N, C-alpha and C. Protein backbone atom coordinates (compact mmCIF):
# COMPACT_ATOMS: atom_id res chain seq x y z
N UNK A 1 -29.12 146.15 88.22
CA UNK A 1 -30.14 147.62 87.35
C UNK A 1 -30.97 148.30 88.08
N UNK A 2 -32.26 147.40 88.54
CA UNK A 2 -33.45 148.39 89.80
C UNK A 2 -31.90 149.49 90.10
N UNK A 3 -31.26 149.12 90.54
CA UNK A 3 -29.87 149.74 91.70
C UNK A 3 -30.06 151.24 90.97
N UNK A 4 -29.44 150.60 90.36
CA UNK A 4 -28.53 151.70 89.69
C UNK A 4 -28.95 152.35 88.32
N UNK A 5 -30.93 152.51 88.22
CA UNK A 5 -31.74 152.86 87.78
C UNK A 5 -32.42 154.18 89.29
N UNK A 6 -32.85 153.04 90.34
CA UNK A 6 -32.92 154.70 91.27
C UNK A 6 -31.92 155.65 91.61
N UNK A 7 -30.61 155.27 91.48
CA UNK A 7 -29.51 155.70 91.69
C UNK A 7 -29.15 156.72 91.04
N UNK A 8 -29.52 156.86 89.82
CA UNK A 8 -30.02 157.66 88.54
C UNK A 8 -31.05 158.03 88.99
N UNK A 9 -32.22 158.16 88.83
CA UNK A 9 -33.77 158.76 89.39
C UNK A 9 -33.09 159.67 90.86
N UNK A 10 -32.17 159.18 91.82
CA UNK A 10 -31.73 159.96 92.55
C UNK A 10 -31.25 161.60 92.00
N UNK A 11 -29.96 161.20 91.96
CA UNK A 11 -29.40 162.72 91.28
C UNK A 11 -30.16 162.67 90.54
N UNK A 12 -31.13 163.05 88.75
CA UNK A 12 -32.02 163.57 88.74
C UNK A 12 -32.30 165.43 89.96
N UNK A 13 -33.36 163.78 90.73
CA UNK A 13 -34.10 164.36 91.83
C UNK A 13 -33.43 165.73 92.86
N UNK A 14 -31.05 165.54 93.01
CA UNK A 14 -31.03 166.53 93.92
C UNK A 14 -30.01 167.27 92.55
N UNK A 15 -30.14 167.48 91.09
CA UNK A 15 -30.08 167.87 90.51
C UNK A 15 -31.23 168.78 89.98
N UNK A 16 -32.64 168.49 89.51
CA UNK A 16 -33.60 169.59 90.52
C UNK A 16 -33.86 170.49 91.40
N UNK A 17 -33.61 169.60 92.12
CA UNK A 17 -33.02 170.42 93.93
C UNK A 17 -31.96 171.82 93.62
N UNK A 18 -31.44 170.68 92.99
CA UNK A 18 -30.19 172.44 93.37
C UNK A 18 -30.29 173.79 92.60
N UNK A 19 -31.15 173.15 91.04
CA UNK A 19 -31.34 173.95 90.45
C UNK A 19 -32.48 174.66 90.64
N UNK A 20 -33.87 174.40 91.30
CA UNK A 20 -34.20 175.00 91.95
C UNK A 20 -33.68 175.83 93.24
N UNK A 21 -33.05 175.43 93.68
CA UNK A 21 -32.10 176.90 94.78
C UNK A 21 -31.51 177.53 94.18
N UNK A 22 -30.85 176.91 93.52
CA UNK A 22 -30.01 178.01 92.28
C UNK A 22 -31.27 179.69 92.41
N UNK A 23 -32.24 179.11 91.48
CA UNK A 23 -32.95 180.43 90.79
C UNK A 23 -34.08 181.19 91.67
N UNK A 24 -34.24 180.07 92.69
CA UNK A 24 -34.43 180.95 93.92
C UNK A 24 -33.53 182.42 95.06
N UNK A 25 -31.88 181.28 94.86
CA UNK A 25 -31.31 181.84 94.27
C UNK A 25 -31.00 183.72 94.63
N UNK A 26 -30.35 183.15 93.17
CA UNK A 26 -30.71 184.52 92.55
C UNK A 26 -31.65 185.12 92.14
N UNK A 27 -32.90 184.63 92.27
CA UNK A 27 -33.80 186.21 92.96
C UNK A 27 -33.77 186.59 93.44
N UNK A 28 -33.36 186.46 94.00
CA UNK A 28 -34.08 186.97 96.06
C UNK A 28 -31.71 188.02 95.89
N UNK A 29 -31.28 187.74 95.30
CA UNK A 29 -30.18 188.05 95.47
C UNK A 29 -29.99 189.37 93.91
N UNK A 30 -30.35 188.83 93.42
CA UNK A 30 -30.46 189.36 92.49
C UNK A 30 -31.42 190.78 92.68
N UNK A 31 -32.00 190.23 93.11
CA UNK A 31 -33.56 191.24 93.98
C UNK A 31 -33.20 192.78 94.68
N UNK A 32 -32.48 192.23 94.45
CA UNK A 32 -31.44 193.39 96.23
C UNK A 32 -30.70 194.28 95.57
N UNK A 33 -29.92 193.52 95.03
CA UNK A 33 -28.16 193.79 93.73
C UNK A 33 -28.37 193.33 93.15
N UNK A 34 -28.66 194.64 92.14
CA UNK A 34 -28.67 193.83 90.38
C UNK A 34 -26.90 192.90 89.67
N UNK A 35 -26.32 193.69 91.41
CA UNK A 35 -24.41 193.82 90.69
C UNK A 35 -24.29 191.59 91.60
N UNK A 36 -24.78 191.33 92.31
CA UNK A 36 -24.56 189.87 93.25
C UNK A 36 -23.62 188.58 92.55
N UNK A 37 -22.32 188.42 92.74
CA UNK A 37 -22.30 187.44 92.56
C UNK A 37 -22.39 186.68 92.85
N UNK A 38 -22.09 185.31 91.94
CA UNK A 38 -22.39 184.22 91.49
C UNK A 38 -22.23 183.30 93.01
N UNK A 39 -20.45 184.17 93.56
CA UNK A 39 -20.37 183.60 95.17
C UNK A 39 -21.37 184.00 95.92
N UNK A 40 -22.27 185.00 95.91
CA UNK A 40 -23.15 185.18 97.04
C UNK A 40 -24.66 184.28 96.15
N UNK A 41 -24.78 184.51 95.04
CA UNK A 41 -25.50 183.69 94.81
C UNK A 41 -25.47 182.28 95.30
N UNK A 42 -24.31 181.92 94.79
CA UNK A 42 -24.26 179.60 95.72
C UNK A 42 -23.82 179.57 96.61
N UNK A 43 -23.96 180.21 97.64
CA UNK A 43 -24.16 180.67 99.72
C UNK A 43 -25.18 180.59 100.06
N UNK A 44 -25.50 181.76 98.73
CA UNK A 44 -27.59 181.79 99.59
C UNK A 44 -27.81 179.89 99.13
N UNK A 45 -27.26 179.49 98.25
CA UNK A 45 -28.60 178.40 97.67
C UNK A 45 -28.40 177.03 98.00
N UNK A 46 -27.20 177.59 99.26
CA UNK A 46 -27.14 176.32 99.65
C UNK A 46 -25.66 175.39 98.47
N UNK A 47 -25.17 175.59 97.54
CA UNK A 47 -24.17 174.48 97.21
C UNK A 47 -23.04 175.08 96.48
N UNK A 48 -22.06 174.35 96.31
CA UNK A 48 -21.07 175.35 95.71
C UNK A 48 -21.18 175.56 94.78
N UNK A 49 -19.93 176.60 94.13
CA UNK A 49 -19.39 177.57 93.10
C UNK A 49 -19.32 176.90 91.36
N UNK A 50 -18.54 175.10 92.00
CA UNK A 50 -18.47 174.10 91.00
C UNK A 50 -19.97 173.14 90.74
N UNK A 51 -20.87 173.63 91.66
CA UNK A 51 -22.78 172.77 91.20
C UNK A 51 -23.48 173.91 90.67
N UNK A 52 -22.95 175.13 91.51
CA UNK A 52 -23.65 176.18 89.91
C UNK A 52 -22.94 176.69 88.68
N UNK A 53 -21.49 176.24 88.48
CA UNK A 53 -21.37 177.24 87.22
C UNK A 53 -21.44 175.25 86.46
N UNK A 54 -21.49 174.46 87.49
CA UNK A 54 -22.41 173.33 86.14
C UNK A 54 -23.95 172.84 85.81
N UNK A 55 -24.32 173.71 86.98
CA UNK A 55 -26.10 173.36 85.57
C UNK A 55 -25.91 175.11 84.91
N UNK A 56 -25.29 176.21 84.99
CA UNK A 56 -24.77 176.96 84.76
C UNK A 56 -23.63 177.90 84.15
N UNK A 57 -23.20 177.69 83.01
CA UNK A 57 -21.70 177.16 83.00
C UNK A 57 -21.78 179.52 82.68
N UNK A 58 -22.29 180.70 82.85
CA UNK A 58 -22.13 181.39 83.06
C UNK A 58 -23.01 182.26 83.94
N UNK A 59 -22.35 183.24 84.18
CA UNK A 59 -24.02 184.88 84.58
C UNK A 59 -24.55 184.93 83.59
N UNK A 60 -24.51 184.79 82.18
CA UNK A 60 -25.15 184.42 81.77
C UNK A 60 -26.53 184.15 81.27
N UNK A 61 -25.70 182.46 81.16
CA UNK A 61 -26.71 182.23 81.15
C UNK A 61 -27.08 181.77 82.03
N UNK A 62 -26.26 182.43 83.85
CA UNK A 62 -27.69 182.19 84.90
C UNK A 62 -28.85 183.31 84.84
N UNK A 63 -28.16 184.37 84.46
CA UNK A 63 -28.89 185.33 84.13
C UNK A 63 -30.53 185.40 83.48
N UNK A 64 -30.15 184.46 82.09
CA UNK A 64 -31.06 184.43 81.60
C UNK A 64 -32.48 183.29 81.83
N UNK A 65 -31.79 181.86 82.68
CA UNK A 65 -32.41 181.30 82.74
C UNK A 65 -33.61 181.90 84.69
N UNK A 66 -32.37 183.07 85.20
CA UNK A 66 -33.82 183.32 86.53
C UNK A 66 -34.86 184.52 85.89
N UNK A 67 -34.52 185.20 84.77
CA UNK A 67 -35.53 185.78 84.10
C UNK A 67 -36.35 185.05 83.77
N UNK A 68 -35.99 184.14 82.73
CA UNK A 68 -37.28 183.18 82.14
C UNK A 68 -37.98 182.54 83.53
N UNK A 69 -37.16 182.72 84.49
CA UNK A 69 -39.01 181.55 85.50
C UNK A 69 -39.28 182.94 86.63
N UNK A 70 -38.61 184.70 86.94
CA UNK A 70 -39.32 185.24 87.43
C UNK A 70 -40.52 185.62 85.80
N UNK A 71 -40.43 185.75 84.77
CA UNK A 71 -41.26 185.72 83.46
C UNK A 71 -42.34 184.71 84.64
N UNK A 72 -42.45 183.38 83.85
CA UNK A 72 -42.90 182.30 83.85
C UNK A 72 -44.16 182.67 85.40
N UNK A 73 -43.54 183.37 86.85
CA UNK A 73 -43.91 182.95 87.32
C UNK A 73 -45.22 184.19 87.05
N UNK A 74 -44.57 185.16 87.06
CA UNK A 74 -45.67 186.33 86.86
C UNK A 74 -46.56 185.95 86.07
N UNK A 75 -46.33 185.00 84.79
CA UNK A 75 -47.38 184.65 83.85
C UNK A 75 -49.15 183.34 84.64
N UNK A 76 -48.54 183.28 85.21
CA UNK A 76 -49.66 181.90 86.41
C UNK A 76 -50.37 184.05 86.84
N UNK A 77 -49.37 184.62 87.38
CA UNK A 77 -50.43 185.67 88.08
C UNK A 77 -51.55 186.22 87.14
N UNK A 78 -50.56 186.80 86.33
CA UNK A 78 -51.21 187.87 85.21
C UNK A 78 -52.16 186.95 84.25
N UNK A 79 -52.16 185.96 84.32
CA UNK A 79 -53.23 184.47 83.12
C UNK A 79 -54.78 184.75 84.58
N UNK A 80 -54.76 185.60 86.08
CA UNK A 80 -56.15 184.67 86.78
C UNK A 80 -56.79 187.12 86.16
N UNK A 81 -55.61 187.43 85.56
CA UNK A 81 -55.98 189.40 85.42
C UNK A 81 -57.50 189.23 84.45
N UNK A 82 -59.13 189.80 84.99
CA UNK A 82 -59.86 190.01 84.52
C UNK A 82 -60.06 190.89 82.76
N UNK A 83 -59.64 190.20 81.85
CA UNK A 83 -59.66 191.17 80.80
C UNK A 83 -60.68 191.57 80.31
N UNK A 84 -62.20 191.02 80.05
CA UNK A 84 -63.07 190.91 79.89
C UNK A 84 -63.86 192.44 80.23
N UNK A 85 -64.79 192.59 78.65
CA UNK A 85 -65.59 194.45 79.35
C UNK A 85 -65.28 194.90 78.75
N UNK A 86 -65.53 196.29 79.43
CA UNK A 86 -65.17 197.47 78.37
C UNK A 86 -62.82 197.34 78.67
N UNK A 87 -62.28 197.46 77.42
CA UNK A 87 -61.35 197.58 76.84
C UNK A 87 -59.85 198.53 77.99
N UNK A 88 -60.43 199.58 77.94
CA UNK A 88 -59.72 200.78 78.33
C UNK A 88 -59.49 200.39 80.01
N UNK A 89 -61.24 199.72 80.96
CA UNK A 89 -61.14 199.36 82.61
C UNK A 89 -60.19 198.01 82.51
N UNK A 90 -60.32 197.09 81.16
CA UNK A 90 -59.47 196.06 81.29
C UNK A 90 -58.05 196.46 80.99
N UNK A 91 -57.85 197.15 80.29
CA UNK A 91 -56.18 197.43 80.33
C UNK A 91 -56.25 198.80 81.89
N UNK A 92 -56.30 199.15 82.22
CA UNK A 92 -56.37 199.42 84.13
C UNK A 92 -55.91 198.17 84.80
N UNK A 93 -56.25 197.16 85.26
CA UNK A 93 -55.83 195.90 85.48
C UNK A 93 -54.90 196.12 84.89
N UNK A 94 -55.04 195.78 83.92
CA UNK A 94 -53.49 194.88 83.43
C UNK A 94 -52.03 195.53 83.86
N UNK A 95 -52.50 196.65 83.55
CA UNK A 95 -51.70 197.83 84.21
C UNK A 95 -51.06 197.78 85.50
N UNK A 96 -51.92 197.18 86.00
CA UNK A 96 -51.94 197.10 87.43
C UNK A 96 -51.36 195.83 88.41
N UNK A 97 -51.52 194.68 87.73
CA UNK A 97 -50.89 193.95 87.59
C UNK A 97 -49.52 194.02 87.83
N UNK A 98 -49.57 193.84 86.51
CA UNK A 98 -48.39 194.21 85.59
C UNK A 98 -46.82 195.24 85.94
N UNK A 99 -47.38 196.19 86.56
CA UNK A 99 -46.53 197.23 87.39
C UNK A 99 -46.25 196.04 88.48
N UNK A 100 -46.84 195.52 89.67
CA UNK A 100 -46.35 194.64 90.72
C UNK A 100 -45.74 194.34 90.56
N UNK A 101 -45.68 192.94 89.50
CA UNK A 101 -44.21 192.44 88.96
C UNK A 101 -43.26 192.88 88.26
N UNK A 102 -42.85 194.51 87.12
CA UNK A 102 -41.95 194.49 87.26
C UNK A 102 -41.73 195.40 88.38
N UNK A 103 -41.91 196.23 89.65
CA UNK A 103 -41.65 196.92 90.78
C UNK A 103 -41.03 195.23 91.29
N UNK A 104 -41.81 194.29 91.50
CA UNK A 104 -40.51 193.71 92.27
C UNK A 104 -39.73 193.01 91.65
N UNK A 105 -39.46 192.40 90.42
CA UNK A 105 -38.77 192.54 89.86
C UNK A 105 -37.60 193.76 89.60
N UNK A 106 -37.43 195.64 89.57
CA UNK A 106 -36.58 195.63 89.07
C UNK A 106 -35.28 196.07 89.09
N UNK A 107 -34.73 195.04 90.43
CA UNK A 107 -33.50 195.64 90.62
C UNK A 107 -32.69 193.62 89.32
N UNK A 108 -33.58 193.39 89.66
CA UNK A 108 -33.67 191.37 88.39
C UNK A 108 -33.67 191.86 87.20
N UNK A 109 -34.60 192.81 86.30
CA UNK A 109 -34.80 193.53 85.50
C UNK A 109 -33.51 194.28 84.58
N UNK A 110 -32.50 194.93 86.37
CA UNK A 110 -31.81 195.32 86.08
C UNK A 110 -30.47 194.44 84.68
N UNK A 111 -30.05 193.78 86.38
CA UNK A 111 -29.61 192.64 86.07
C UNK A 111 -29.52 192.25 84.28
N UNK A 112 -31.03 192.20 83.85
CA UNK A 112 -30.73 191.32 82.77
C UNK A 112 -30.62 192.30 81.55
N UNK A 113 -30.95 194.09 81.32
CA UNK A 113 -30.38 194.55 81.40
C UNK A 113 -28.72 195.07 81.36
N UNK A 114 -28.54 194.22 81.80
CA UNK A 114 -26.84 194.63 82.23
C UNK A 114 -26.16 193.55 80.88
N UNK A 115 -26.37 192.53 81.43
CA UNK A 115 -25.85 191.03 81.30
C UNK A 115 -26.29 190.91 79.57
N UNK A 116 -28.04 190.45 79.83
CA UNK A 116 -28.26 189.64 78.25
C UNK A 116 -28.06 190.36 77.48
N UNK A 117 -27.99 190.01 76.10
CA UNK A 117 -28.05 190.43 74.46
C UNK A 117 -28.50 191.87 74.16
N UNK A 118 -28.35 192.04 74.00
CA UNK A 118 -30.07 193.10 73.40
C UNK A 118 -31.19 192.83 72.46
N UNK A 119 -32.31 192.73 73.07
CA UNK A 119 -33.21 192.19 72.22
C UNK A 119 -33.75 191.04 73.33
N UNK A 120 -32.52 190.54 74.23
CA UNK A 120 -32.98 189.27 74.83
C UNK A 120 -34.27 189.47 75.75
N UNK A 121 -33.96 190.61 76.28
CA UNK A 121 -35.05 191.43 77.55
C UNK A 121 -36.63 191.11 77.14
N UNK A 122 -36.75 192.12 75.43
CA UNK A 122 -37.73 192.43 74.65
C UNK A 122 -38.50 190.75 74.79
N UNK A 123 -37.75 190.10 73.93
CA UNK A 123 -37.74 188.43 73.29
C UNK A 123 -38.54 187.52 74.37
N UNK A 124 -37.55 188.22 76.31
CA UNK A 124 -38.31 187.19 76.86
C UNK A 124 -39.30 187.40 77.50
N UNK A 125 -40.46 188.24 77.00
CA UNK A 125 -41.50 189.11 77.59
C UNK A 125 -42.51 188.65 76.25
N UNK A 126 -42.15 188.48 75.95
CA UNK A 126 -43.71 187.24 74.14
C UNK A 126 -44.40 187.66 74.81
N UNK A 127 -44.59 186.17 75.64
CA UNK A 127 -46.58 185.92 76.29
C UNK A 127 -47.25 186.93 77.20
N UNK A 128 -46.25 188.01 77.21
CA UNK A 128 -46.73 188.91 78.69
C UNK A 128 -47.32 190.19 77.06
N UNK A 129 -46.33 190.76 76.51
CA UNK A 129 -47.12 191.13 75.51
C UNK A 129 -47.61 190.43 73.84
N UNK A 130 -48.10 188.83 74.46
CA UNK A 130 -49.50 189.04 73.51
C UNK A 130 -50.63 189.21 74.18
N UNK A 131 -50.89 189.19 75.04
CA UNK A 131 -52.21 188.63 76.64
C UNK A 131 -52.15 190.54 75.74
N UNK A 132 -51.15 191.61 75.79
CA UNK A 132 -51.48 193.20 76.03
C UNK A 132 -51.86 193.21 74.28
N UNK A 133 -51.13 192.89 73.56
CA UNK A 133 -51.70 193.35 72.04
C UNK A 133 -53.03 192.24 71.45
N UNK A 134 -53.96 191.89 72.29
CA UNK A 134 -53.92 190.54 72.18
C UNK A 134 -55.65 191.93 72.89
N UNK A 135 -55.09 192.46 74.10
CA UNK A 135 -56.50 193.80 74.70
C UNK A 135 -56.69 194.59 72.95
N UNK A 136 -55.18 194.75 72.85
CA UNK A 136 -55.63 196.43 72.01
C UNK A 136 -55.78 196.34 70.50
N UNK A 137 -56.25 195.09 69.97
CA UNK A 137 -56.70 194.67 69.46
C UNK A 137 -58.39 194.13 69.47
N UNK A 138 -58.36 194.09 70.28
CA UNK A 138 -60.10 193.72 71.09
C UNK A 138 -60.91 195.51 71.63
N UNK A 139 -60.02 195.90 72.05
CA UNK A 139 -59.93 197.69 71.76
C UNK A 139 -60.16 198.36 71.03
N UNK A 140 -58.83 198.04 69.75
CA UNK A 140 -59.30 199.38 68.39
C UNK A 140 -61.11 198.84 67.49
N UNK A 141 -60.72 196.96 67.44
CA UNK A 141 -62.12 197.32 67.40
C UNK A 141 -63.81 197.85 67.32
N UNK A 142 -63.32 197.15 69.15
CA UNK A 142 -64.29 199.01 69.68
C UNK A 142 -64.34 199.93 70.29
N UNK A 143 -63.49 200.32 68.86
CA UNK A 143 -63.46 201.50 69.00
C UNK A 143 -62.86 202.77 70.00
N UNK A 144 -62.09 202.20 71.38
CA UNK A 144 -62.15 202.57 72.57
C UNK A 144 -60.60 202.90 71.95
N UNK A 145 -59.74 202.15 71.02
CA UNK A 145 -58.70 202.75 71.30
C UNK A 145 -57.75 202.41 69.69
N UNK A 146 -56.53 203.63 69.89
CA UNK A 146 -55.99 204.21 67.66
C UNK A 146 -56.77 203.15 67.60
N UNK A 147 -56.45 203.67 66.28
CA UNK A 147 -55.92 203.14 64.42
C UNK A 147 -55.39 203.18 63.89
N UNK A 148 -55.11 204.76 64.36
CA UNK A 148 -53.67 205.58 63.60
C UNK A 148 -52.08 205.00 63.69
N UNK A 149 -52.61 204.04 64.76
CA UNK A 149 -50.86 203.82 64.92
C UNK A 149 -51.04 202.46 64.94
N UNK A 150 -50.20 200.89 64.60
CA UNK A 150 -49.68 199.78 64.08
C UNK A 150 -49.26 199.22 65.83
N UNK A 151 -50.71 198.21 65.98
CA UNK A 151 -50.14 197.85 67.40
C UNK A 151 -49.21 197.10 68.03
N UNK A 152 -48.87 196.68 67.31
CA UNK A 152 -47.24 196.41 67.32
C UNK A 152 -46.35 197.74 67.99
N UNK A 153 -46.24 198.72 67.84
CA UNK A 153 -45.70 200.15 68.67
C UNK A 153 -46.33 200.99 69.57
N UNK A 154 -48.05 200.48 70.28
CA UNK A 154 -48.12 200.67 70.93
C UNK A 154 -48.16 199.39 72.12
N UNK A 155 -48.18 198.46 71.39
CA UNK A 155 -47.71 197.70 72.49
C UNK A 155 -45.69 197.78 72.90
N UNK A 156 -44.95 198.16 72.36
CA UNK A 156 -43.70 198.46 72.49
C UNK A 156 -44.33 200.22 73.54
N UNK A 157 -45.18 201.39 72.91
CA UNK A 157 -45.11 202.01 74.13
C UNK A 157 -44.99 201.71 75.24
N UNK A 158 -46.27 200.46 75.21
CA UNK A 158 -46.67 200.46 77.32
C UNK A 158 -45.46 199.66 77.60
N UNK A 159 -44.40 198.75 76.53
CA UNK A 159 -43.84 198.10 77.51
C UNK A 159 -42.81 199.11 77.74
N UNK A 160 -42.35 200.09 76.81
CA UNK A 160 -41.53 201.10 76.99
C UNK A 160 -41.70 201.97 78.48
N UNK A 161 -43.23 202.12 78.18
CA UNK A 161 -43.58 203.41 80.00
C UNK A 161 -43.04 202.31 80.67
N UNK A 162 -43.74 201.67 81.28
CA UNK A 162 -43.59 200.70 82.17
C UNK A 162 -41.88 199.77 82.64
N UNK A 163 -41.07 199.91 81.94
CA UNK A 163 -39.44 199.87 82.31
C UNK A 163 -39.07 201.17 82.52
N UNK A 164 -39.58 201.57 81.74
CA UNK A 164 -39.35 203.43 82.05
C UNK A 164 -39.55 204.18 83.78
N UNK A 165 -40.88 203.44 83.99
CA UNK A 165 -41.32 203.99 85.65
C UNK A 165 -40.00 203.01 86.49
N UNK A 166 -39.72 202.04 86.32
CA UNK A 166 -39.48 201.28 86.96
C UNK A 166 -37.88 201.98 87.06
N UNK A 167 -37.25 202.24 86.27
CA UNK A 167 -35.41 203.40 86.01
C UNK A 167 -36.09 205.24 86.54
N UNK A 168 -36.95 205.36 86.97
CA UNK A 168 -37.48 206.70 87.00
C UNK A 168 -37.78 205.87 89.12
N UNK A 169 -37.79 205.14 89.54
CA UNK A 169 -37.85 204.51 91.14
C UNK A 169 -36.44 204.41 91.03
N UNK A 170 -35.80 204.50 90.33
CA UNK A 170 -34.57 203.29 90.89
C UNK A 170 -34.26 204.51 90.88
N UNK A 171 -34.28 205.68 89.72
CA UNK A 171 -32.87 206.68 90.34
C UNK A 171 -34.03 207.51 90.76
N UNK A 172 -34.62 207.58 91.65
CA UNK A 172 -34.91 208.52 92.58
C UNK A 172 -36.22 208.96 92.30
N UNK A 173 -36.88 209.31 91.58
CA UNK A 173 -37.58 210.65 90.63
C UNK A 173 -38.99 209.60 91.12
N UNK A 174 -39.26 209.16 91.20
CA UNK A 174 -40.80 208.32 91.05
C UNK A 174 -40.79 207.45 92.92
N UNK A 175 -41.71 207.43 92.81
CA UNK A 175 -42.36 206.78 93.88
C UNK A 175 -42.93 205.51 93.85
N UNK A 176 -43.16 204.37 94.43
CA UNK A 176 -43.46 203.40 93.85
C UNK A 176 -45.13 203.35 93.65
N UNK A 177 -45.32 204.04 95.32
CA UNK A 177 -46.75 203.86 94.87
C UNK A 177 -47.31 204.72 94.05
N UNK A 178 -46.81 205.33 93.83
CA UNK A 178 -47.58 206.71 92.65
C UNK A 178 -47.88 205.85 90.57
N UNK A 179 -45.80 204.86 90.75
CA UNK A 179 -46.04 204.48 89.28
C UNK A 179 -47.00 204.84 88.61
N UNK A 180 -47.97 203.15 89.31
CA UNK A 180 -49.03 202.74 88.71
C UNK A 180 -50.12 203.77 88.28
N UNK A 181 -50.58 204.74 89.37
CA UNK A 181 -51.34 205.82 88.58
C UNK A 181 -50.88 206.08 86.89
N UNK A 182 -49.32 206.15 87.49
CA UNK A 182 -48.37 207.25 85.69
C UNK A 182 -48.97 206.42 85.08
N UNK A 183 -48.14 205.61 85.17
CA UNK A 183 -48.48 204.68 83.39
C UNK A 183 -49.58 204.54 83.44
N UNK A 184 -50.60 203.89 84.73
CA UNK A 184 -51.68 203.99 83.66
C UNK A 184 -51.75 205.50 82.76
N UNK A 185 -52.07 205.97 83.21
CA UNK A 185 -52.41 208.40 83.24
C UNK A 185 -51.90 208.14 81.43
N UNK A 186 -50.47 207.40 81.24
CA UNK A 186 -49.54 207.79 80.60
C UNK A 186 -49.96 206.94 79.62
N UNK A 187 -50.11 205.82 79.21
CA UNK A 187 -50.42 204.71 78.29
C UNK A 187 -52.04 204.79 77.48
N UNK A 188 -53.39 205.40 78.60
CA UNK A 188 -54.48 205.44 78.32
C UNK A 188 -54.45 206.88 77.23
N UNK A 189 -53.44 207.92 77.26
CA UNK A 189 -53.32 209.00 76.78
C UNK A 189 -52.99 208.61 75.53
N UNK A 190 -51.83 206.93 75.82
CA UNK A 190 -51.81 207.51 73.62
C UNK A 190 -52.32 206.29 73.47
N UNK A 191 -52.90 205.33 73.86
CA UNK A 191 -54.20 204.10 72.71
C UNK A 191 -55.43 205.09 72.61
N UNK A 192 -55.53 206.34 72.97
CA UNK A 192 -57.38 206.82 72.65
C UNK A 192 -57.24 207.55 71.78
N UNK A 193 -58.77 206.96 70.98
CA UNK A 193 -58.23 207.74 69.20
C UNK A 193 -57.67 209.41 69.10
N UNK A 194 -57.50 209.84 68.17
CA UNK A 194 -57.18 210.85 67.95
C UNK A 194 -58.46 211.83 68.47
N UNK A 195 -58.44 212.93 68.74
CA UNK A 195 -60.31 213.70 69.19
C UNK A 195 -61.04 213.11 70.09
N UNK A 196 -60.46 212.57 70.66
CA UNK A 196 -61.13 211.58 71.46
C UNK A 196 -61.35 211.98 72.70
N UNK A 197 -61.76 212.18 73.45
CA UNK A 197 -61.74 212.38 75.08
C UNK A 197 -60.94 211.04 75.63
N UNK A 198 -59.71 212.07 76.62
CA UNK A 198 -59.22 210.59 77.73
C UNK A 198 -59.97 210.16 78.82
N UNK A 199 -60.12 209.08 78.92
CA UNK A 199 -60.79 208.62 80.27
C UNK A 199 -60.16 209.14 81.15
N UNK A 200 -60.36 209.47 83.10
CA UNK A 200 -60.08 209.99 83.47
C UNK A 200 -59.51 208.31 84.62
């Protein structure tokens, strides 16, 4: 019995290593080319296609897992952002940090949007958007952000502007070094209460 238990544990460890290798390889391959095939990903992970499909039976399931993996990694970084003090300054810091992640994973985002069901990408952003929602609510209470539009609408505006910036970069109309400033300017203008001066 002890030998059998050791064997089972070893298989679980091997499976976990394979899954981690596949997710890392998929993130890298899809980050270069949103249309990267499962064969390319399996080769980069050092596993066979049978092994890959054993863990992820379809490309959609693989893409979903990779996107979840990326979001979880991003959450660790965003959790370190200082959101105290002036809500507008906190929002600026959050946008800058969030944009770095969106820019890093924009090719992966394209792959997810092309493969996953409608609404799934937005659903996977639930935790990052909850952070934005909390900050917006605080800003509204302090009079820094507008109250005439629902918080959910303002969260959606920020989400769409950031992802729209990724689309603009992919289309060659915006360079990555200018995107964060464009996003921040647009969002602060959209969030400022009517009649108030938009902060520089």
